């Protein structure tokens, strides 16, 4: 085992308590995680936080969030989808999607067109500006994916996508 791996193992091991019951040290790395070390959900959540932070940083110049990017990408790939279909496919609450679409519409990236089949629903389309923006967003998102690959390795990234494909 390498010194780095050894350090990583001890960093997450349960900590001995001082005589007063308090855990030693004040830094975040000094706090033991106990059983959380073995919980997949905890590890996935921590990785998700890192991924979102990197995504937001990498796409910061264009002020786009992960959910906005997902919505734009799905609309771009499927012009004319209903709001309900987008919400269902991406697992977004309908009310949240309406708010999100309002903001994308204000930025002139998305337009809603009243459906000819059902006047109560709207077909979603990217505007010309939205199509141009999405091209740039995808380029920056690819840069973000390179950061993920650098963090966990090419094979691990591919394996992770295979594992998680059952949840998309």
N, C-alpha and C. Protein backbone atom coordinates (compact mmCIF):
# COMPACT_ATOMS: atom_id res chain seq x y z
N UNK A 1 0.86 -1.17 0.00
CA UNK A 1 0.00 0.00 0.00
C UNK A 1 0.90 1.23 0.00
N UNK A 2 0.50 2.25 -0.75
CA UNK A 2 1.31 3.46 -0.83
C UNK A 2 1.06 4.33 0.38
N UNK A 3 1.96 5.28 0.57
CA UNK A 3 1.80 6.22 1.70
C UNK A 3 0.53 7.02 1.53
N UNK A 4 0.20 7.38 0.27
CA UNK A 4 -1.02 8.16 0.01
C UNK A 4 -2.26 7.34 0.35
N UNK A 5 -2.28 6.09 -0.11
CA UNK A 5 -3.43 5.24 0.17
C UNK A 5 -3.54 4.99 1.67
N UNK A 6 -2.40 4.80 2.33
CA UNK A 6 -2.38 4.58 3.77
C UNK A 6 -2.96 5.79 4.49
N UNK A 7 -2.55 6.98 4.06
CA UNK A 7 -3.07 8.22 4.66
C UNK A 7 -4.58 8.33 4.45
N UNK A 8 -5.05 7.97 3.24
CA UNK A 8 -6.49 8.05 2.95
C UNK A 8 -7.26 7.12 3.87
N UNK A 9 -6.72 5.92 4.12
CA UNK A 9 -7.42 4.97 4.99
C UNK A 9 -7.51 5.49 6.42
N UNK A 10 -6.41 6.03 6.95
CA UNK A 10 -6.44 6.49 8.33
C UNK A 10 -7.24 7.77 8.47
N UNK A 11 -7.30 8.55 7.41
CA UNK A 11 -8.05 9.81 7.47
C UNK A 11 -9.53 9.54 7.72
N UNK A 12 -10.04 8.40 7.25
CA UNK A 12 -11.46 8.10 7.38
C UNK A 12 -11.76 7.08 8.47
N UNK A 13 -10.74 6.63 9.16
CA UNK A 13 -10.94 5.65 10.23
C UNK A 13 -11.59 6.34 11.44
N UNK A 14 -12.29 5.56 12.27
CA UNK A 14 -12.87 6.17 13.47
C UNK A 14 -11.78 6.82 14.32
N UNK A 15 -12.09 7.93 14.92
CA UNK A 15 -11.13 8.69 15.73
C UNK A 15 -11.27 8.32 17.20
N UNK A 16 -10.14 8.32 17.87
CA UNK A 16 -10.17 8.13 19.32
C UNK A 16 -10.66 9.41 19.96
N UNK A 17 -11.39 9.27 21.00
CA UNK A 17 -11.95 10.43 21.70
C UNK A 17 -11.02 10.87 22.81
N UNK A 18 -11.02 12.15 23.04
CA UNK A 18 -10.27 12.69 24.18
C UNK A 18 -11.00 12.29 25.45
N UNK A 19 -10.39 12.52 26.59
CA UNK A 19 -11.01 12.16 27.86
C UNK A 19 -12.38 12.79 28.06
N UNK A 20 -12.62 13.93 27.43
CA UNK A 20 -13.91 14.60 27.58
C UNK A 20 -14.94 14.13 26.56
N UNK A 21 -14.57 13.15 25.74
CA UNK A 21 -15.51 12.61 24.74
C UNK A 21 -15.47 13.34 23.42
N UNK A 22 -14.73 14.44 23.33
CA UNK A 22 -14.66 15.21 22.08
C UNK A 22 -13.67 14.55 21.13
N UNK A 23 -13.93 14.64 19.84
CA UNK A 23 -12.99 14.13 18.84
C UNK A 23 -11.83 15.10 18.74
N UNK A 24 -10.61 14.58 18.55
CA UNK A 24 -9.45 15.47 18.46
C UNK A 24 -9.45 16.26 17.16
N UNK A 25 -8.81 17.42 17.16
CA UNK A 25 -8.64 18.23 15.95
C UNK A 25 -9.86 19.04 15.60
N UNK A 26 -9.62 20.10 14.87
CA UNK A 26 -10.71 20.98 14.47
C UNK A 26 -10.95 20.98 12.97
N UNK A 27 -9.98 20.48 12.17
CA UNK A 27 -10.12 20.50 10.72
C UNK A 27 -11.08 19.45 10.23
N UNK A 28 -11.66 19.68 9.06
CA UNK A 28 -12.62 18.72 8.49
C UNK A 28 -11.97 17.36 8.27
N UNK A 29 -10.70 17.35 7.89
CA UNK A 29 -10.02 16.07 7.65
C UNK A 29 -9.76 15.31 8.94
N UNK A 30 -9.86 15.97 10.08
CA UNK A 30 -9.63 15.32 11.37
C UNK A 30 -10.89 14.67 11.92
N UNK A 31 -11.99 14.84 11.27
CA UNK A 31 -13.26 14.31 11.76
C UNK A 31 -13.49 12.93 11.15
N UNK A 32 -13.64 11.93 12.00
CA UNK A 32 -13.87 10.56 11.52
C UNK A 32 -15.25 10.41 10.92
N UNK A 33 -15.37 9.53 9.93
CA UNK A 33 -16.65 9.30 9.26
C UNK A 33 -17.33 8.01 9.70
N UNK A 34 -16.62 7.19 10.47
CA UNK A 34 -17.16 5.94 11.00
C UNK A 34 -17.77 5.11 9.86
N UNK A 35 -19.01 4.68 10.00
CA UNK A 35 -19.63 3.78 9.02
C UNK A 35 -19.88 4.43 7.67
N UNK A 36 -19.88 5.77 7.61
CA UNK A 36 -20.12 6.44 6.33
C UNK A 36 -19.09 6.05 5.27
N UNK A 37 -17.89 5.69 5.72
CA UNK A 37 -16.83 5.29 4.79
C UNK A 37 -17.31 4.15 3.88
N UNK A 38 -18.13 3.27 4.40
CA UNK A 38 -18.61 2.13 3.63
C UNK A 38 -19.96 2.31 2.98
N UNK A 39 -20.53 3.50 3.04
CA UNK A 39 -21.85 3.75 2.46
C UNK A 39 -21.72 4.32 1.04
N UNK A 40 -22.23 3.57 0.07
CA UNK A 40 -22.18 4.01 -1.32
C UNK A 40 -22.92 5.34 -1.50
N UNK A 41 -24.05 5.48 -0.85
CA UNK A 41 -24.84 6.71 -0.98
C UNK A 41 -24.07 7.93 -0.53
N UNK A 42 -23.34 7.80 0.55
CA UNK A 42 -22.55 8.92 1.04
C UNK A 42 -21.45 9.27 0.04
N UNK A 43 -20.76 8.26 -0.46
CA UNK A 43 -19.68 8.49 -1.42
C UNK A 43 -20.21 9.11 -2.72
N UNK A 44 -21.34 8.59 -3.19
CA UNK A 44 -21.94 9.13 -4.43
C UNK A 44 -22.35 10.59 -4.22
N UNK A 45 -22.93 10.89 -3.09
CA UNK A 45 -23.35 12.27 -2.80
C UNK A 45 -22.15 13.21 -2.75
N UNK A 46 -21.07 12.79 -2.09
CA UNK A 46 -19.86 13.62 -2.04
C UNK A 46 -19.29 13.84 -3.44
N UNK A 47 -19.30 12.79 -4.26
CA UNK A 47 -18.82 12.92 -5.64
C UNK A 47 -19.74 13.84 -6.44
N UNK A 48 -21.04 13.73 -6.20
CA UNK A 48 -21.99 14.60 -6.89
C UNK A 48 -21.73 16.06 -6.54
N UNK A 49 -21.45 16.34 -5.29
CA UNK A 49 -21.14 17.71 -4.87
C UNK A 49 -19.91 18.20 -5.62
N UNK A 50 -18.87 17.39 -5.68
CA UNK A 50 -17.66 17.78 -6.40
C UNK A 50 -17.97 18.02 -7.88
N UNK A 51 -18.75 17.11 -8.48
CA UNK A 51 -19.09 17.24 -9.90
C UNK A 51 -19.86 18.53 -10.15
N UNK A 52 -20.86 18.81 -9.32
CA UNK A 52 -21.65 20.03 -9.52
C UNK A 52 -20.78 21.27 -9.36
N UNK A 53 -19.91 21.27 -8.35
CA UNK A 53 -19.04 22.43 -8.15
C UNK A 53 -18.13 22.63 -9.35
N UNK A 54 -17.57 21.56 -9.88
CA UNK A 54 -16.70 21.69 -11.04
C UNK A 54 -17.49 22.13 -12.28
N UNK A 55 -18.69 21.58 -12.46
CA UNK A 55 -19.54 21.96 -13.58
C UNK A 55 -19.84 23.45 -13.53
N UNK A 56 -20.26 23.93 -12.37
CA UNK A 56 -20.62 25.34 -12.20
C UNK A 56 -19.40 26.23 -12.45
N UNK A 57 -18.25 25.81 -11.95
CA UNK A 57 -17.01 26.58 -12.17
C UNK A 57 -16.64 26.59 -13.65
N UNK A 58 -16.68 25.42 -14.28
CA UNK A 58 -16.27 25.30 -15.68
C UNK A 58 -17.22 26.05 -16.61
N UNK A 59 -18.50 26.04 -16.29
CA UNK A 59 -19.48 26.73 -17.13
C UNK A 59 -19.87 28.09 -16.56
N UNK A 60 -19.10 28.58 -15.59
CA UNK A 60 -19.40 29.85 -14.93
C UNK A 60 -19.47 31.03 -15.88
N UNK A 61 -18.62 31.03 -16.89
CA UNK A 61 -18.59 32.16 -17.82
C UNK A 61 -19.90 32.30 -18.61
N UNK A 62 -20.65 31.21 -18.73
CA UNK A 62 -21.91 31.26 -19.47
C UNK A 62 -23.13 31.21 -18.55
N UNK A 63 -22.89 31.16 -17.25
CA UNK A 63 -23.96 31.20 -16.25
C UNK A 63 -25.04 30.16 -16.53
N UNK A 64 -24.61 28.91 -16.59
CA UNK A 64 -25.57 27.83 -16.80
C UNK A 64 -25.38 26.79 -15.70
N UNK A 65 -26.47 26.32 -15.15
CA UNK A 65 -26.44 25.33 -14.07
C UNK A 65 -26.67 23.93 -14.66
N UNK A 66 -26.32 22.89 -13.90
CA UNK A 66 -26.48 21.52 -14.42
C UNK A 66 -27.90 21.19 -14.89
N UNK A 67 -28.90 21.58 -14.14
CA UNK A 67 -30.28 21.25 -14.55
C UNK A 67 -30.68 22.03 -15.79
N UNK A 68 -30.27 23.29 -15.88
CA UNK A 68 -30.56 24.08 -17.09
C UNK A 68 -29.91 23.44 -18.31
N UNK A 69 -28.66 23.01 -18.13
CA UNK A 69 -27.95 22.35 -19.23
C UNK A 69 -28.69 21.08 -19.66
N UNK A 70 -29.14 20.29 -18.69
CA UNK A 70 -29.87 19.06 -19.00
C UNK A 70 -31.14 19.36 -19.79
N UNK A 71 -31.88 20.35 -19.35
CA UNK A 71 -33.13 20.72 -20.03
C UNK A 71 -32.85 21.18 -21.46
N UNK A 72 -31.87 22.07 -21.61
CA UNK A 72 -31.53 22.55 -22.95
C UNK A 72 -31.08 21.42 -23.86
N UNK A 73 -30.28 20.51 -23.33
CA UNK A 73 -29.78 19.39 -24.12
C UNK A 73 -30.91 18.49 -24.59
N UNK A 74 -31.84 18.18 -23.69
CA UNK A 74 -32.98 17.31 -24.06
C UNK A 74 -33.89 18.02 -25.07
N UNK A 75 -34.15 19.29 -24.87
CA UNK A 75 -34.99 20.03 -25.83
C UNK A 75 -34.28 20.10 -27.18
N UNK A 76 -32.97 20.36 -27.16
CA UNK A 76 -32.21 20.43 -28.41
C UNK A 76 -32.23 19.11 -29.17
N UNK A 77 -32.20 18.01 -28.45
CA UNK A 77 -32.20 16.69 -29.08
C UNK A 77 -33.59 16.23 -29.48
N UNK A 78 -34.63 16.86 -28.89
CA UNK A 78 -36.02 16.43 -29.11
C UNK A 78 -36.93 17.64 -29.26
N UNK A 79 -36.75 18.44 -30.30
CA UNK A 79 -37.59 19.64 -30.45
C UNK A 79 -39.08 19.27 -30.46
N UNK A 80 -39.85 20.09 -29.75
CA UNK A 80 -41.30 19.88 -29.74
C UNK A 80 -41.82 19.08 -28.57
N UNK A 81 -40.94 18.61 -27.70
CA UNK A 81 -41.41 17.87 -26.52
C UNK A 81 -42.28 18.77 -25.65
N UNK A 82 -43.19 18.15 -24.92
CA UNK A 82 -44.00 18.90 -23.96
C UNK A 82 -43.21 19.12 -22.68
N UNK A 83 -43.64 20.09 -21.91
CA UNK A 83 -43.04 20.34 -20.61
C UNK A 83 -43.14 19.10 -19.74
N UNK A 84 -44.28 18.45 -19.79
CA UNK A 84 -44.52 17.24 -18.99
C UNK A 84 -43.52 16.15 -19.36
N UNK A 85 -43.27 15.97 -20.66
CA UNK A 85 -42.34 14.92 -21.11
C UNK A 85 -40.92 15.22 -20.64
N UNK A 86 -40.50 16.47 -20.72
CA UNK A 86 -39.16 16.85 -20.27
C UNK A 86 -39.03 16.63 -18.76
N UNK A 87 -40.04 17.08 -18.02
CA UNK A 87 -40.02 16.93 -16.56
C UNK A 87 -39.93 15.46 -16.18
N UNK A 88 -40.72 14.65 -16.83
CA UNK A 88 -40.75 13.22 -16.51
C UNK A 88 -39.42 12.55 -16.86
N UNK A 89 -38.89 12.85 -18.05
CA UNK A 89 -37.64 12.21 -18.50
C UNK A 89 -36.46 12.57 -17.62
N UNK A 90 -36.40 13.82 -17.16
CA UNK A 90 -35.28 14.27 -16.34
C UNK A 90 -35.53 14.16 -14.84
N UNK A 91 -36.74 13.77 -14.45
CA UNK A 91 -37.04 13.63 -13.03
C UNK A 91 -37.10 14.96 -12.30
N UNK A 92 -37.64 15.97 -12.98
CA UNK A 92 -37.76 17.31 -12.40
C UNK A 92 -39.23 17.56 -12.06
N UNK A 93 -39.48 18.12 -10.89
CA UNK A 93 -40.86 18.46 -10.54
C UNK A 93 -41.40 19.47 -11.56
N UNK A 94 -42.65 19.30 -11.93
CA UNK A 94 -43.25 20.16 -12.97
C UNK A 94 -43.17 21.63 -12.60
N UNK A 95 -43.47 21.97 -11.35
CA UNK A 95 -43.44 23.38 -10.93
C UNK A 95 -42.03 23.94 -11.05
N UNK A 96 -41.03 23.14 -10.70
CA UNK A 96 -39.64 23.60 -10.81
C UNK A 96 -39.26 23.79 -12.27
N UNK A 97 -39.72 22.89 -13.13
CA UNK A 97 -39.41 23.01 -14.56
C UNK A 97 -40.03 24.29 -15.14
N UNK A 98 -41.24 24.60 -14.74
CA UNK A 98 -41.89 25.83 -15.24
C UNK A 98 -41.04 27.04 -14.88
N UNK A 99 -40.57 27.12 -13.65
CA UNK A 99 -39.71 28.23 -13.22
C UNK A 99 -38.40 28.25 -14.03
N UNK A 100 -37.83 27.08 -14.22
CA UNK A 100 -36.59 26.96 -14.98
C UNK A 100 -36.80 27.40 -16.43
N UNK A 101 -37.90 26.97 -17.04
CA UNK A 101 -38.19 27.38 -18.42
C UNK A 101 -38.44 28.88 -18.52
N UNK A 102 -39.09 29.45 -17.50
CA UNK A 102 -39.29 30.90 -17.49
C UNK A 102 -37.94 31.63 -17.59
N UNK A 103 -36.96 31.16 -16.81
CA UNK A 103 -35.65 31.82 -16.82
C UNK A 103 -34.94 31.60 -18.16
N UNK A 104 -35.06 30.41 -18.74
CA UNK A 104 -34.43 30.15 -20.03
C UNK A 104 -35.12 30.93 -21.15
N UNK A 105 -36.41 31.13 -21.00
CA UNK A 105 -37.16 31.92 -21.98
C UNK A 105 -36.76 33.40 -21.88
N UNK A 106 -36.58 33.91 -20.66
CA UNK A 106 -36.13 35.29 -20.47
C UNK A 106 -34.75 35.52 -21.08
N UNK A 107 -33.93 34.48 -21.06
CA UNK A 107 -32.59 34.58 -21.66
C UNK A 107 -32.63 34.34 -23.17
N UNK A 108 -33.83 34.11 -23.70
CA UNK A 108 -34.07 33.89 -25.12
C UNK A 108 -33.36 32.63 -25.65
N UNK A 109 -33.32 31.60 -24.80
CA UNK A 109 -32.71 30.33 -25.19
C UNK A 109 -33.76 29.29 -25.59
N UNK A 110 -34.95 29.43 -25.03
CA UNK A 110 -36.04 28.48 -25.24
C UNK A 110 -37.30 29.24 -25.59
N UNK A 111 -38.12 28.62 -26.42
CA UNK A 111 -39.46 29.18 -26.67
C UNK A 111 -40.49 28.08 -26.51
N UNK A 112 -41.63 28.49 -25.99
CA UNK A 112 -42.77 27.58 -25.82
C UNK A 112 -43.79 27.91 -26.89
N UNK A 113 -44.21 26.89 -27.58
CA UNK A 113 -45.22 27.07 -28.62
C UNK A 113 -46.43 26.23 -28.23
N UNK A 114 -47.57 26.88 -28.21
CA UNK A 114 -48.79 26.16 -27.84
C UNK A 114 -48.98 24.97 -28.77
N UNK A 115 -49.22 23.81 -28.17
CA UNK A 115 -49.39 22.58 -28.93
C UNK A 115 -50.66 22.65 -29.78
N UNK A 116 -50.55 22.16 -31.02
CA UNK A 116 -51.72 22.12 -31.90
C UNK A 116 -52.68 21.01 -31.50
N UNK A 117 -52.12 19.94 -30.89
CA UNK A 117 -52.96 18.81 -30.48
C UNK A 117 -53.66 19.07 -29.15
N UNK A 118 -53.00 19.76 -28.24
CA UNK A 118 -53.55 20.02 -26.91
C UNK A 118 -53.17 21.44 -26.51
N UNK A 119 -54.14 22.35 -26.60
CA UNK A 119 -53.85 23.76 -26.35
C UNK A 119 -53.45 24.03 -24.91
N UNK A 120 -53.64 23.05 -24.02
CA UNK A 120 -53.23 23.24 -22.63
C UNK A 120 -51.73 23.01 -22.44
N UNK A 121 -51.09 22.39 -23.42
CA UNK A 121 -49.66 22.13 -23.27
C UNK A 121 -48.85 22.93 -24.30
N UNK A 122 -47.56 22.98 -24.05
CA UNK A 122 -46.66 23.72 -24.92
C UNK A 122 -45.56 22.80 -25.45
N UNK A 123 -45.21 23.00 -26.71
CA UNK A 123 -44.08 22.30 -27.30
C UNK A 123 -42.85 23.17 -27.06
N UNK A 124 -41.78 22.55 -26.66
CA UNK A 124 -40.56 23.29 -26.33
C UNK A 124 -39.55 23.21 -27.46
N UNK A 125 -38.96 24.34 -27.77
CA UNK A 125 -37.96 24.45 -28.83
C UNK A 125 -36.85 25.37 -28.38
N UNK A 126 -35.65 25.13 -28.87
CA UNK A 126 -34.57 26.08 -28.68
C UNK A 126 -34.76 27.22 -29.68
N UNK A 127 -34.42 28.41 -29.27
CA UNK A 127 -34.37 29.53 -30.20
C UNK A 127 -33.06 29.41 -30.99
N UNK A 128 -32.89 30.23 -32.01
CA UNK A 128 -31.61 30.24 -32.74
C UNK A 128 -30.49 30.58 -31.77
N UNK A 129 -30.75 31.53 -30.89
CA UNK A 129 -29.76 31.90 -29.87
C UNK A 129 -29.50 30.72 -28.93
N UNK A 130 -30.53 29.98 -28.61
CA UNK A 130 -30.40 28.81 -27.75
C UNK A 130 -29.57 27.71 -28.39
N UNK A 131 -29.75 27.51 -29.69
CA UNK A 131 -28.96 26.50 -30.40
C UNK A 131 -27.48 26.88 -30.40
N UNK A 132 -27.20 28.15 -30.65
CA UNK A 132 -25.81 28.62 -30.63
C UNK A 132 -25.21 28.48 -29.24
N UNK A 133 -25.98 28.88 -28.24
CA UNK A 133 -25.51 28.79 -26.85
C UNK A 133 -25.28 27.34 -26.45
N UNK A 134 -26.18 26.44 -26.83
CA UNK A 134 -26.04 25.04 -26.46
C UNK A 134 -24.76 24.44 -27.03
N UNK A 135 -24.39 24.85 -28.23
CA UNK A 135 -23.12 24.38 -28.81
C UNK A 135 -21.95 24.76 -27.91
N UNK A 136 -21.95 25.99 -27.43
CA UNK A 136 -20.89 26.44 -26.52
C UNK A 136 -20.97 25.71 -25.19
N UNK A 137 -22.19 25.55 -24.66
CA UNK A 137 -22.38 24.85 -23.39
C UNK A 137 -21.84 23.42 -23.48
N UNK A 138 -22.11 22.75 -24.60
CA UNK A 138 -21.65 21.37 -24.77
C UNK A 138 -20.12 21.31 -24.81
N UNK A 139 -19.50 22.29 -25.43
CA UNK A 139 -18.04 22.33 -25.48
C UNK A 139 -17.47 22.49 -24.08
N UNK A 140 -18.06 23.38 -23.29
CA UNK A 140 -17.61 23.58 -21.90
C UNK A 140 -17.92 22.36 -21.04
N UNK A 141 -19.06 21.72 -21.27
CA UNK A 141 -19.42 20.51 -20.52
C UNK A 141 -18.45 19.38 -20.84
N UNK A 142 -17.97 19.32 -22.08
CA UNK A 142 -16.96 18.31 -22.44
C UNK A 142 -15.67 18.57 -21.68
N UNK A 143 -15.33 19.85 -21.49
CA UNK A 143 -14.16 20.20 -20.68
C UNK A 143 -14.36 19.72 -19.24
N UNK A 144 -15.55 19.94 -18.71
CA UNK A 144 -15.89 19.46 -17.37
C UNK A 144 -15.72 17.94 -17.29
N UNK A 145 -16.19 17.22 -18.30
CA UNK A 145 -16.06 15.76 -18.31
C UNK A 145 -14.59 15.34 -18.34
N UNK A 146 -13.74 16.13 -18.97
CA UNK A 146 -12.30 15.85 -18.94
C UNK A 146 -11.76 16.02 -17.51
N UNK A 147 -12.31 16.98 -16.77
CA UNK A 147 -11.92 17.14 -15.36
C UNK A 147 -12.32 15.91 -14.56
N UNK A 148 -13.51 15.38 -14.83
CA UNK A 148 -13.98 14.18 -14.12
C UNK A 148 -13.03 13.02 -14.43
N UNK A 149 -12.70 12.87 -15.70
CA UNK A 149 -11.79 11.80 -16.10
C UNK A 149 -10.43 11.95 -15.44
N UNK A 150 -9.95 13.18 -15.35
CA UNK A 150 -8.66 13.42 -14.69
C UNK A 150 -8.73 13.07 -13.21
N UNK A 151 -9.89 13.29 -12.60
CA UNK A 151 -10.06 13.03 -11.17
C UNK A 151 -10.12 11.53 -10.86
N UNK A 152 -10.85 10.77 -11.70
CA UNK A 152 -11.07 9.36 -11.36
C UNK A 152 -10.45 8.38 -12.35
N UNK A 153 -9.93 8.85 -13.47
CA UNK A 153 -9.32 7.97 -14.46
C UNK A 153 -10.30 7.61 -15.56
N UNK A 154 -9.75 7.36 -16.73
CA UNK A 154 -10.57 7.08 -17.92
C UNK A 154 -11.40 5.81 -17.74
N UNK A 155 -10.75 4.72 -17.31
CA UNK A 155 -11.49 3.45 -17.16
C UNK A 155 -12.53 3.54 -16.05
N UNK A 156 -12.19 4.21 -14.96
CA UNK A 156 -13.16 4.36 -13.86
C UNK A 156 -14.36 5.20 -14.29
N UNK A 157 -14.11 6.23 -15.09
CA UNK A 157 -15.21 7.05 -15.58
C UNK A 157 -16.14 6.20 -16.46
N UNK A 158 -15.54 5.41 -17.36
CA UNK A 158 -16.34 4.55 -18.23
C UNK A 158 -17.12 3.52 -17.41
N UNK A 159 -16.47 2.94 -16.41
CA UNK A 159 -17.13 1.97 -15.53
C UNK A 159 -18.27 2.63 -14.75
N UNK A 160 -18.02 3.82 -14.25
CA UNK A 160 -19.06 4.55 -13.51
C UNK A 160 -20.27 4.80 -14.41
N UNK A 161 -20.04 5.23 -15.63
CA UNK A 161 -21.16 5.45 -16.56
C UNK A 161 -21.93 4.16 -16.84
N UNK A 162 -21.20 3.04 -16.96
CA UNK A 162 -21.88 1.76 -17.16
C UNK A 162 -22.74 1.40 -15.96
N UNK A 163 -22.19 1.57 -14.78
CA UNK A 163 -22.92 1.25 -13.55
C UNK A 163 -24.17 2.13 -13.42
N UNK A 164 -24.01 3.41 -13.67
CA UNK A 164 -25.10 4.35 -13.46
C UNK A 164 -26.11 4.38 -14.61
N UNK A 165 -25.80 3.74 -15.71
CA UNK A 165 -26.71 3.78 -16.88
C UNK A 165 -28.07 3.17 -16.56
N UNK A 166 -28.13 2.31 -15.58
CA UNK A 166 -29.41 1.71 -15.19
C UNK A 166 -30.33 2.67 -14.46
N UNK A 167 -29.82 3.86 -14.13
CA UNK A 167 -30.61 4.83 -13.39
C UNK A 167 -31.01 6.03 -14.24
N UNK A 168 -30.67 6.00 -15.53
CA UNK A 168 -31.02 7.16 -16.38
C UNK A 168 -32.23 6.88 -17.23
